[in-house]
Amino acid sequence: HQIIAAGHPEEDVRRTVAMLKRNE
């Protein structure tokens, strides 16, 4: 939520966070 509010595209944020969590 904070990262999107800072101006980053929501689609990119969702995709990046999902990849980060999925690859632990």
PDB file of all heavy atoms in Angstrom:
ATOM      1  N   HIS A   1       0.836  -1.209   0.000  1.00  0.00           N
ATOM      2  CA  HIS A   1       0.000   0.000   0.000  1.00  0.00           C
ATOM      3  C   HIS A   1       0.875   1.266   0.000  1.00  0.00           C
ATOM      4  O   HIS A   1       0.631   2.209  -0.761  1.00  0.00           O
ATOM      5  CB  HIS A   1      -0.925   0.001   1.216  1.00  0.00           C
ATOM      6  CG  HIS A   1      -1.710   1.260   1.393  1.00  0.00           C
ATOM      7  ND1 HIS A   1      -2.826   1.549   0.628  1.00  0.00           N
ATOM      8  CD2 HIS A   1      -1.539   2.327   2.226  1.00  0.00           C
ATOM      9  CE1 HIS A   1      -3.303   2.725   0.986  1.00  0.00           C
ATOM     10  NE2 HIS A   1      -2.547   3.220   1.948  1.00  0.00           N
ATOM     11  N   GLN A   2       1.911   1.279   0.841  1.00  0.00           N
ATOM     12  CA  GLN A   2       2.796   2.441   0.904  1.00  0.00           C
ATOM     13  C   GLN A   2       3.593   2.597  -0.387  1.00  0.00           C
ATOM     14  O   GLN A   2       3.823   3.722  -0.851  1.00  0.00           O
ATOM     15  CB  GLN A   2       3.766   2.297   2.084  1.00  0.00           C
ATOM     16  CG  GLN A   2       3.112   2.409   3.453  1.00  0.00           C
ATOM     17  CD  GLN A   2       4.088   2.078   4.564  1.00  0.00           C
ATOM     18  OE1 GLN A   2       4.622   0.961   4.639  1.00  0.00           O
ATOM     19  NE2 GLN A   2       4.338   3.040   5.437  1.00  0.00           N
ATOM     20  N   ILE A   3       4.021   1.484  -0.956  1.00  0.00           N
ATOM     21  CA  ILE A   3       4.836   1.538  -2.172  1.00  0.00           C
ATOM     22  C   ILE A   3       4.012   2.065  -3.344  1.00  0.00           C
ATOM     23  O   ILE A   3       4.485   2.884  -4.150  1.00  0.00           O
ATOM     24  CB  ILE A   3       5.420   0.144  -2.487  1.00  0.00           C
ATOM     25  CG1 ILE A   3       6.300  -0.335  -1.328  1.00  0.00           C
ATOM     26  CG2 ILE A   3       6.236   0.178  -3.776  1.00  0.00           C
ATOM     27  CD1 ILE A   3       6.729  -1.790  -1.431  1.00  0.00           C
ATOM     28  N   ILE A   4       2.760   1.634  -3.420  1.00  0.00           N
ATOM     29  CA  ILE A   4       1.869   2.134  -4.476  1.00  0.00           C
ATOM     30  C   ILE A   4       1.591   3.625  -4.257  1.00  0.00           C
ATOM     31  O   ILE A   4       1.610   4.419  -5.204  1.00  0.00           O
ATOM     32  CB  ILE A   4       0.556   1.327  -4.489  1.00  0.00           C
ATOM     33  CG1 ILE A   4       0.845  -0.121  -4.904  1.00  0.00           C
ATOM     34  CG2 ILE A   4      -0.464   1.961  -5.431  1.00  0.00           C
ATOM     35  CD1 ILE A   4      -0.311  -1.073  -4.646  1.00  0.00           C
ATOM     36  N   ALA A   5       1.370   3.990  -2.993  1.00  0.00           N
ATOM     37  CA  ALA A   5       1.099   5.397  -2.683  1.00  0.00           C
ATOM     38  C   ALA A   5       2.278   6.289  -3.041  1.00  0.00           C
ATOM     39  O   ALA A   5       2.103   7.484  -3.323  1.00  0.00           O
ATOM     40  CB  ALA A   5       0.756   5.544  -1.198  1.00  0.00           C
ATOM     41  N   ALA A   6       3.485   5.725  -3.044  1.00  0.00           N
ATOM     42  CA  ALA A   6       4.686   6.493  -3.401  1.00  0.00           C
ATOM     43  C   ALA A   6       4.817   6.698  -4.900  1.00  0.00           C
ATOM     44  O   ALA A   6       5.742   7.389  -5.353  1.00  0.00           O
ATOM     45  CB  ALA A   6       5.927   5.804  -2.855  1.00  0.00           C
ATOM     46  N   GLY A   7       3.916   6.061  -5.688  1.00  0.00           N
ATOM     47  CA  GLY A   7       3.911   6.319  -7.122  1.00  0.00           C
ATOM     48  C   GLY A   7       4.267   5.151  -8.010  1.00  0.00           C
ATOM     49  O   GLY A   7       4.313   5.306  -9.232  1.00  0.00           O
ATOM     50  N   HIS A   8       4.515   3.986  -7.442  1.00  0.00           N
ATOM     51  CA  HIS A   8       4.852   2.831  -8.273  1.00  0.00           C
ATOM     52  C   HIS A   8       3.582   2.156  -8.792  1.00  0.00           C
ATOM     53  O   HIS A   8       2.583   2.067  -8.060  1.00  0.00           O
ATOM     54  CB  HIS A   8       5.692   1.834  -7.474  1.00  0.00           C
ATOM     55  CG  HIS A   8       7.043   2.371  -7.108  1.00  0.00           C
ATOM     56  ND1 HIS A   8       8.036   2.559  -8.039  1.00  0.00           N
ATOM     57  CD2 HIS A   8       7.562   2.785  -5.919  1.00  0.00           C
ATOM     58  CE1 HIS A   8       9.111   3.061  -7.440  1.00  0.00           C
ATOM     59  NE2 HIS A   8       8.845   3.209  -6.159  1.00  0.00           N
ATOM     60  N   PRO A   9       3.602   1.662 -10.032  1.00  0.00           N
ATOM     61  CA  PRO A   9       2.394   1.061 -10.616  1.00  0.00           C
ATOM     62  C   PRO A   9       1.903  -0.137  -9.793  1.00  0.00           C
ATOM     63  O   PRO A   9       2.691  -1.009  -9.424  1.00  0.00           O
ATOM     64  CB  PRO A   9       2.860   0.624 -12.008  1.00  0.00           C
ATOM     65  CG  PRO A   9       4.051   1.484 -12.298  1.00  0.00           C
ATOM     66  CD  PRO A   9       4.714   1.723 -10.990  1.00  0.00           C
ATOM     67  N   GLU A  10       0.616  -0.149  -9.529  1.00  0.00           N
ATOM     68  CA  GLU A  10       0.064  -1.207  -8.673  1.00  0.00           C
ATOM     69  C   GLU A  10       0.316  -2.593  -9.259  1.00  0.00           C
ATOM     70  O   GLU A  10       0.654  -3.529  -8.530  1.00  0.00           O
ATOM     71  CB  GLU A  10      -1.432  -0.991  -8.469  1.00  0.00           C
ATOM     72  CG  GLU A  10      -2.067  -2.063  -7.576  1.00  0.00           C
ATOM     73  CD  GLU A  10      -3.508  -1.772  -7.232  1.00  0.00           C
ATOM     74  OE1 GLU A  10      -3.980  -0.643  -7.497  1.00  0.00           O
ATOM     75  OE2 GLU A  10      -4.179  -2.686  -6.694  1.00  0.00           O
ATOM     76  N   GLU A  11       0.168  -2.724 -10.563  1.00  0.00           N
ATOM     77  CA  GLU A  11       0.383  -4.034 -11.182  1.00  0.00           C
ATOM     78  C   GLU A  11       1.818  -4.518 -10.948  1.00  0.00           C
ATOM     79  O   GLU A  11       2.052  -5.696 -10.623  1.00  0.00           O
ATOM     80  CB  GLU A  11       0.096  -3.962 -12.680  1.00  0.00           C
ATOM     81  CG  GLU A  11       0.304  -5.292 -13.400  1.00  0.00           C
ATOM     82  CD  GLU A  11       0.090  -5.179 -14.908  1.00  0.00           C
ATOM     83  OE1 GLU A  11      -0.366  -4.106 -15.368  1.00  0.00           O
ATOM     84  OE2 GLU A  11       0.399  -6.153 -15.617  1.00  0.00           O
ATOM     85  N   ASP A  12       2.789  -3.626 -11.098  1.00  0.00           N
ATOM     86  CA  ASP A  12       4.189  -4.003 -10.884  1.00  0.00           C
ATOM     87  C   ASP A  12       4.454  -4.352  -9.424  1.00  0.00           C
ATOM     88  O   ASP A  12       5.213  -5.282  -9.117  1.00  0.00           O
ATOM     89  CB  ASP A  12       5.118  -2.867 -11.321  1.00  0.00           C
ATOM     90  CG  ASP A  12       5.166  -2.698 -12.827  1.00  0.00           C
ATOM     91  OD1 ASP A  12       4.802  -3.654 -13.547  1.00  0.00           O
ATOM     92  OD2 ASP A  12       5.547  -1.603 -13.294  1.00  0.00           O
ATOM     93  N   VAL A  13       3.832  -3.586  -8.517  1.00  0.00           N
ATOM     94  CA  VAL A  13       4.019  -3.859  -7.088  1.00  0.00           C
ATOM     95  C   VAL A  13       3.444  -5.224  -6.741  1.00  0.00           C
ATOM     96  O   VAL A  13       4.090  -6.034  -6.061  1.00  0.00           O
ATOM     97  CB  VAL A  13       3.370  -2.758  -6.229  1.00  0.00           C
ATOM     98  CG1 VAL A  13       3.447  -3.124  -4.745  1.00  0.00           C
ATOM     99  CG2 VAL A  13       4.067  -1.419  -6.463  1.00  0.00           C
ATOM    100  N   ARG A  14       2.231  -5.498  -7.183  1.00  0.00           N
ATOM    101  CA  ARG A  14       1.606  -6.787  -6.881  1.00  0.00           C
ATOM    102  C   ARG A  14       2.435  -7.941  -7.435  1.00  0.00           C
ATOM    103  O   ARG A  14       2.660  -8.942  -6.759  1.00  0.00           O
ATOM    104  CB  ARG A  14       0.187  -6.832  -7.451  1.00  0.00           C
ATOM    105  CG  ARG A  14      -0.822  -5.982  -6.684  1.00  0.00           C
ATOM    106  CD  ARG A  14      -2.236  -6.171  -7.211  1.00  0.00           C
ATOM    107  NE  ARG A  14      -3.200  -5.416  -6.427  1.00  0.00           N
ATOM    108  CZ  ARG A  14      -3.762  -5.852  -5.299  1.00  0.00           C
ATOM    109  NH1 ARG A  14      -3.448  -7.059  -4.825  1.00  0.00           N
ATOM    110  NH2 ARG A  14      -4.633  -5.108  -4.647  1.00  0.00           N
ATOM    111  N   ARG A  15       2.889  -7.794  -8.668  1.00  0.00           N
ATOM    112  CA  ARG A  15       3.650  -8.871  -9.299  1.00  0.00           C
ATOM    113  C   ARG A  15       4.990  -9.079  -8.604  1.00  0.00           C
ATOM    114  O   ARG A  15       5.409 -10.213  -8.346  1.00  0.00           O
ATOM    115  CB  ARG A  15       3.868  -8.518 -10.781  1.00  0.00           C
ATOM    116  CG  ARG A  15       4.516  -9.632 -11.601  1.00  0.00           C
ATOM    117  CD  ARG A  15       4.168  -9.515 -13.064  1.00  0.00           C
ATOM    118  NE  ARG A  15       4.429  -8.190 -13.596  1.00  0.00           N
ATOM    119  CZ  ARG A  15       5.295  -7.951 -14.607  1.00  0.00           C
ATOM    120  NH1 ARG A  15       5.976  -8.940 -15.145  1.00  0.00           N
ATOM    121  NH2 ARG A  15       5.471  -6.726 -15.057  1.00  0.00           N
ATOM    122  N   THR A  16       5.670  -7.989  -8.260  1.00  0.00           N
ATOM    123  CA  THR A  16       6.984  -8.094  -7.622  1.00  0.00           C
ATOM    124  C   THR A  16       6.880  -8.706  -6.237  1.00  0.00           C
ATOM    125  O   THR A  16       7.657  -9.606  -5.881  1.00  0.00           O
ATOM    126  CB  THR A  16       7.640  -6.704  -7.540  1.00  0.00           C
ATOM    127  OG1 THR A  16       7.789  -6.167  -8.862  1.00  0.00           O
ATOM    128  CG2 THR A  16       8.995  -6.787  -6.863  1.00  0.00           C
ATOM    129  N   VAL A  17       5.947  -8.238  -5.437  1.00  0.00           N
ATOM    130  CA  VAL A  17       5.787  -8.771  -4.076  1.00  0.00           C
ATOM    131  C   VAL A  17       5.399 -10.245  -4.134  1.00  0.00           C
ATOM    132  O   VAL A  17       5.888 -11.061  -3.337  1.00  0.00           O
ATOM    133  CB  VAL A  17       4.753  -7.942  -3.295  1.00  0.00           C
ATOM    134  CG1 VAL A  17       4.399  -8.629  -1.972  1.00  0.00           C
ATOM    135  CG2 VAL A  17       5.290  -6.542  -3.029  1.00  0.00           C
ATOM    136  N   ALA A  18       4.539 -10.603  -5.070  1.00  0.00           N
ATOM    137  CA  ALA A  18       4.144 -12.009  -5.196  1.00  0.00           C
ATOM    138  C   ALA A  18       5.343 -12.884  -5.547  1.00  0.00           C
ATOM    139  O   ALA A  18       5.524 -13.974  -4.979  1.00  0.00           O
ATOM    140  CB  ALA A  18       3.049 -12.151  -6.251  1.00  0.00           C
ATOM    141  N   MET A  19       6.176 -12.425  -6.478  1.00  0.00           N
ATOM    142  CA  MET A  19       7.367 -13.191  -6.845  1.00  0.00           C
ATOM    143  C   MET A  19       8.330 -13.300  -5.665  1.00  0.00           C
ATOM    144  O   MET A  19       8.913 -14.361  -5.420  1.00  0.00           O
ATOM    145  CB  MET A  19       8.075 -12.547  -8.042  1.00  0.00           C
ATOM    146  CG  MET A  19       7.344 -12.716  -9.356  1.00  0.00           C
ATOM    147  SD  MET A  19       8.305 -12.154 -10.797  1.00  0.00           S
ATOM    148  CE  MET A  19       8.318 -10.377 -10.536  1.00  0.00           C
ATOM    149  N   LEU A  20       8.491 -12.200  -4.945  1.00  0.00           N
ATOM    150  CA  LEU A  20       9.418 -12.202  -3.819  1.00  0.00           C
ATOM    151  C   LEU A  20       8.987 -13.228  -2.768  1.00  0.00           C
ATOM    152  O   LEU A  20       9.808 -14.008  -2.270  1.00  0.00           O
ATOM    153  CB  LEU A  20       9.488 -10.800  -3.220  1.00  0.00           C
ATOM    154  CG  LEU A  20      10.676 -10.493  -2.302  1.00  0.00           C
ATOM    155  CD1 LEU A  20      10.992  -9.012  -2.347  1.00  0.00           C
ATOM    156  CD2 LEU A  20      10.405 -10.905  -0.872  1.00  0.00           C
ATOM    157  N   LYS A  21       7.704 -13.248  -2.446  1.00  0.00           N
ATOM    158  CA  LYS A  21       7.213 -14.177  -1.425  1.00  0.00           C
ATOM    159  C   LYS A  21       7.239 -15.620  -1.923  1.00  0.00           C
ATOM    160  O   LYS A  21       7.538 -16.545  -1.164  1.00  0.00           O
ATOM    161  CB  LYS A  21       5.801 -13.768  -1.004  1.00  0.00           C
ATOM    162  CG  LYS A  21       5.757 -12.401  -0.321  1.00  0.00           C
ATOM    163  CD  LYS A  21       4.353 -11.913  -0.097  1.00  0.00           C
ATOM    164  CE  LYS A  21       3.651 -12.695   0.992  1.00  0.00           C
ATOM    165  NZ  LYS A  21       2.331 -12.101   1.306  1.00  0.00           N
ATOM    166  N   ARG A  22       6.936 -15.811  -3.183  1.00  0.00           N
ATOM    167  CA  ARG A  22       6.838 -17.156  -3.746  1.00  0.00           C
ATOM    168  C   ARG A  22       8.189 -17.867  -3.813  1.00  0.00           C
ATOM    169  O   ARG A  22       8.249 -19.105  -3.820  1.00  0.00           O
ATOM    170  CB  ARG A  22       6.218 -17.066  -5.141  1.00  0.00           C
ATOM    171  CG  ARG A  22       5.916 -18.401  -5.788  1.00  0.00           C
ATOM    172  CD  ARG A  22       5.066 -18.219  -7.038  1.00  0.00           C
ATOM    173  NE  ARG A  22       5.700 -17.422  -8.069  1.00  0.00           N
ATOM    174  CZ  ARG A  22       5.234 -16.267  -8.527  1.00  0.00           C
ATOM    175  NH1 ARG A  22       4.133 -15.740  -8.017  1.00  0.00           N
ATOM    176  NH2 ARG A  22       5.868 -15.624  -9.496  1.00  0.00           N
ATOM    177  N   ASN A  23       9.263 -17.096  -3.848  1.00  0.00           N
ATOM    178  CA  ASN A  23      10.580 -17.690  -4.091  1.00  0.00           C
ATOM    179  C   ASN A  23      11.459 -17.771  -2.852  1.00  0.00           C
ATOM    180  O   ASN A  23      12.669 -17.965  -2.969  1.00  0.00           O
ATOM    181  CB  ASN A  23      11.288 -16.920  -5.198  1.00  0.00           C
ATOM    182  CG  ASN A  23      10.673 -17.203  -6.549  1.00  0.00           C
ATOM    183  OD1 ASN A  23      10.861 -18.287  -7.098  1.00  0.00           O
ATOM    184  ND2 ASN A  23       9.910 -16.251  -7.078  1.00  0.00           N
ATOM    185  N   GLU A  24      10.861 -17.667  -1.668  1.00  0.00           N
ATOM    186  CA  GLU A  24      11.647 -17.804  -0.446  1.00  0.00           C
ATOM    187  C   GLU A  24      12.334 -19.162  -0.385  1.00  0.00           C
ATOM    188  O   GLU A  24      13.479 -19.286   0.068  1.00  0.00           O
ATOM    189  CB  GLU A  24      10.763 -17.587   0.779  1.00  0.00           C
ATOM    190  CG  GLU A  24      11.514 -17.595   2.102  1.00  0.00           C
ATOM    191  CD  GLU A  24      12.530 -16.472   2.213  1.00  0.00           C
ATOM    192  OE1 GLU A  24      12.268 -15.359   1.712  1.00  0.00           O
ATOM    193  OE2 GLU A  24      13.607 -16.704   2.795  1.00  0.00           O
TER     194      GLU A  24
END
